[in-house]
Amino acid sequence: MAPSPELLLLGSTFSTVFLAELGDKTQLATMALSGSSDRPLLVFAGSASALVLASFVGAVAGGSLARVVPTDLLQLLAAVGFLVIGLRLLLGAIRGGPVAAYSGINGGGTEPHGGDQSAAASQVPPA
């Protein structure tokens, strides 16, 4: 028995999108955020939700979004978003590691798991 046309469409869409997403900006951003937090499941949930919503908008809106919002504006907004994320990571790295950029996410500390700095490290005078 041959698979239904719906199942073939589902499978080909999944395969195409999955292969297209491997190693792209979204996956790299997700890995960077996950590496900067001690809560990878929350990063996964946020990333997956964003991808589902973006895919839903793409599937429902089709080409109509491009008629309402110019493509150049969409690309500019995406570029600004990545610039903000990149700057936060860069500033965090300069200030003491990439985790510092997301210290509000993992409990306020600069340690990878949101813990406080050790007593020995906290006795070192600030530079």
Protein backbone atom coordinates (compact mmCIF):
# COMPACT_ATOMS: atom_id res chain seq x y z
CA MET A 1 0.00 0.00 0.00
CA ALA A 2 1.43 3.37 -1.06
CA PRO A 3 1.60 6.27 1.41
CA SER A 4 -1.16 8.86 1.08
CA PRO A 5 -0.43 12.16 -0.73
CA GLU A 6 -0.83 13.97 2.61
CA LEU A 7 1.81 11.78 4.25
CA LEU A 8 4.16 12.29 1.29
CA LEU A 9 3.69 16.07 1.52
CA LEU A 10 4.30 15.98 5.27
CA GLY A 11 7.43 13.87 4.85
CA SER A 12 8.89 15.94 2.03
CA THR A 13 8.19 19.20 3.89
CA PHE A 14 9.81 17.86 7.07
CA SER A 15 12.85 16.55 5.19
CA THR A 16 13.33 19.78 3.23
CA VAL A 17 13.01 22.08 6.23
CA PHE A 18 15.07 19.84 8.52
CA LEU A 19 17.95 19.65 6.05
CA ALA A 20 17.73 23.38 5.32
CA GLU A 21 17.90 24.23 9.03
CA LEU A 22 21.01 22.15 9.78
CA GLY A 23 23.87 24.55 10.40
CA ASP A 24 21.91 27.69 9.55
CA LYS A 25 21.70 30.89 11.59
CA THR A 26 18.78 29.64 13.68
CA GLN A 27 20.60 26.50 14.79
CA LEU A 28 23.80 28.44 15.48
CA ALA A 29 21.89 31.05 17.49
CA THR A 30 20.16 28.30 19.46
CA MET A 31 23.50 26.63 20.21
CA ALA A 32 25.00 29.95 21.32
CA LEU A 33 22.06 30.68 23.60
CA SER A 34 22.08 27.15 25.00
CA GLY A 35 25.80 27.36 25.66
CA SER A 36 25.23 30.62 27.53
CA SER A 37 22.57 29.22 29.84
CA ASP A 38 22.22 26.39 32.30
CA ARG A 39 18.68 25.77 31.06
CA PRO A 40 18.95 24.18 27.61
CA LEU A 41 15.36 22.90 27.74
CA LEU A 42 14.07 26.47 28.07
CA VAL A 43 16.26 27.51 25.14
CA PHE A 44 14.85 24.57 23.17
CA ALA A 45 11.28 25.52 24.09
CA GLY A 46 11.83 29.14 23.06
CA SER A 47 13.59 28.19 19.84
CA ALA A 48 11.05 25.54 18.91
CA SER A 49 8.14 27.90 19.65
CA ALA A 50 9.69 30.61 17.50
CA LEU A 51 10.25 28.17 14.63
CA VAL A 52 6.71 26.80 14.89
CA LEU A 53 5.25 30.32 14.89
CA ALA A 54 7.46 31.44 12.00
CA SER A 55 6.53 28.33 10.02
CA PHE A 56 2.84 28.85 10.78
CA VAL A 57 3.00 32.46 9.61
CA GLY A 58 4.89 31.36 6.50
CA ALA A 59 2.41 28.60 5.70
CA VAL A 60 -0.73 30.64 6.38
CA ALA A 61 0.43 33.94 4.95
CA GLY A 62 2.20 32.45 1.97
CA GLY A 63 3.29 35.35 -0.19
CA SER A 64 0.73 37.78 1.23
CA LEU A 65 3.07 39.02 4.00
CA ALA A 66 5.51 40.24 1.37
CA ARG A 67 2.67 42.28 -0.15
CA VAL A 68 1.96 43.97 3.21
CA VAL A 69 5.48 44.29 4.61
CA PRO A 70 8.32 44.96 2.17
CA THR A 71 10.91 42.18 1.99
CA ASP A 72 13.69 44.69 2.64
CA LEU A 73 12.02 45.70 5.93
CA LEU A 74 11.67 42.05 7.02
CA GLN A 75 15.35 41.45 6.26
CA LEU A 76 16.31 44.63 8.12
CA LEU A 77 14.32 43.56 11.21
CA ALA A 78 15.95 40.12 11.14
CA ALA A 79 19.40 41.68 10.76
CA VAL A 80 18.79 44.05 13.69
CA GLY A 81 17.64 41.12 15.83
CA PHE A 82 20.80 39.14 15.07
CA LEU A 83 22.91 42.25 15.65
CA VAL A 84 21.39 42.73 19.10
CA ILE A 85 21.98 39.08 20.02
CA GLY A 86 25.54 39.23 18.68
CA LEU A 87 26.33 42.43 20.57
CA ARG A 88 24.98 40.96 23.82
CA LEU A 89 27.15 37.87 23.36
CA LEU A 90 30.19 39.98 22.45
CA LEU A 91 29.75 42.34 25.40
CA GLY A 92 29.23 39.39 27.71
CA ALA A 93 32.42 37.77 26.49
CA ILE A 94 34.36 41.00 26.98
CA ARG A 95 32.97 41.45 30.49
CA GLY A 96 33.79 37.97 31.68
CA GLY A 97 32.50 35.22 29.47
CA PRO A 98 29.47 34.68 27.27
CA VAL A 99 27.35 33.70 30.25
CA ALA A 100 27.50 37.26 31.58
CA ALA A 101 25.32 38.45 28.70
CA TYR A 102 22.53 36.20 29.95
CA SER A 103 23.11 36.47 33.69
CA GLY A 104 19.48 37.43 34.23
CA ILE A 105 18.42 34.14 32.71
CA ASN A 106 20.48 31.82 34.85
CA GLY A 107 20.07 33.31 38.30
CA GLY A 108 22.17 36.46 38.20
CA GLY A 109 25.61 34.93 38.65
CA THR A 110 28.34 34.75 36.09
CA GLU A 111 28.92 31.04 36.60
CA PRO A 112 27.56 28.72 33.89
CA HIS A 113 25.03 27.18 36.26
CA GLY A 114 23.82 30.40 37.87
CA GLY A 115 25.83 29.86 41.06
CA ASP A 116 27.80 32.44 42.94
CA GLN A 117 31.49 32.89 42.38
CA SER A 118 33.75 31.00 44.75
CA ALA A 119 34.97 32.73 47.87
CA ALA A 120 38.51 32.91 46.52
CA ALA A 121 37.36 34.54 43.29
CA SER A 122 35.13 37.01 45.11
CA GLN A 123 38.09 38.22 47.21
CA VAL A 124 39.99 39.37 44.14
CA PRO A 125 39.63 43.17 43.84
CA PRO A 126 37.78 44.31 40.71
CA ALA A 127 39.93 45.55 37.86
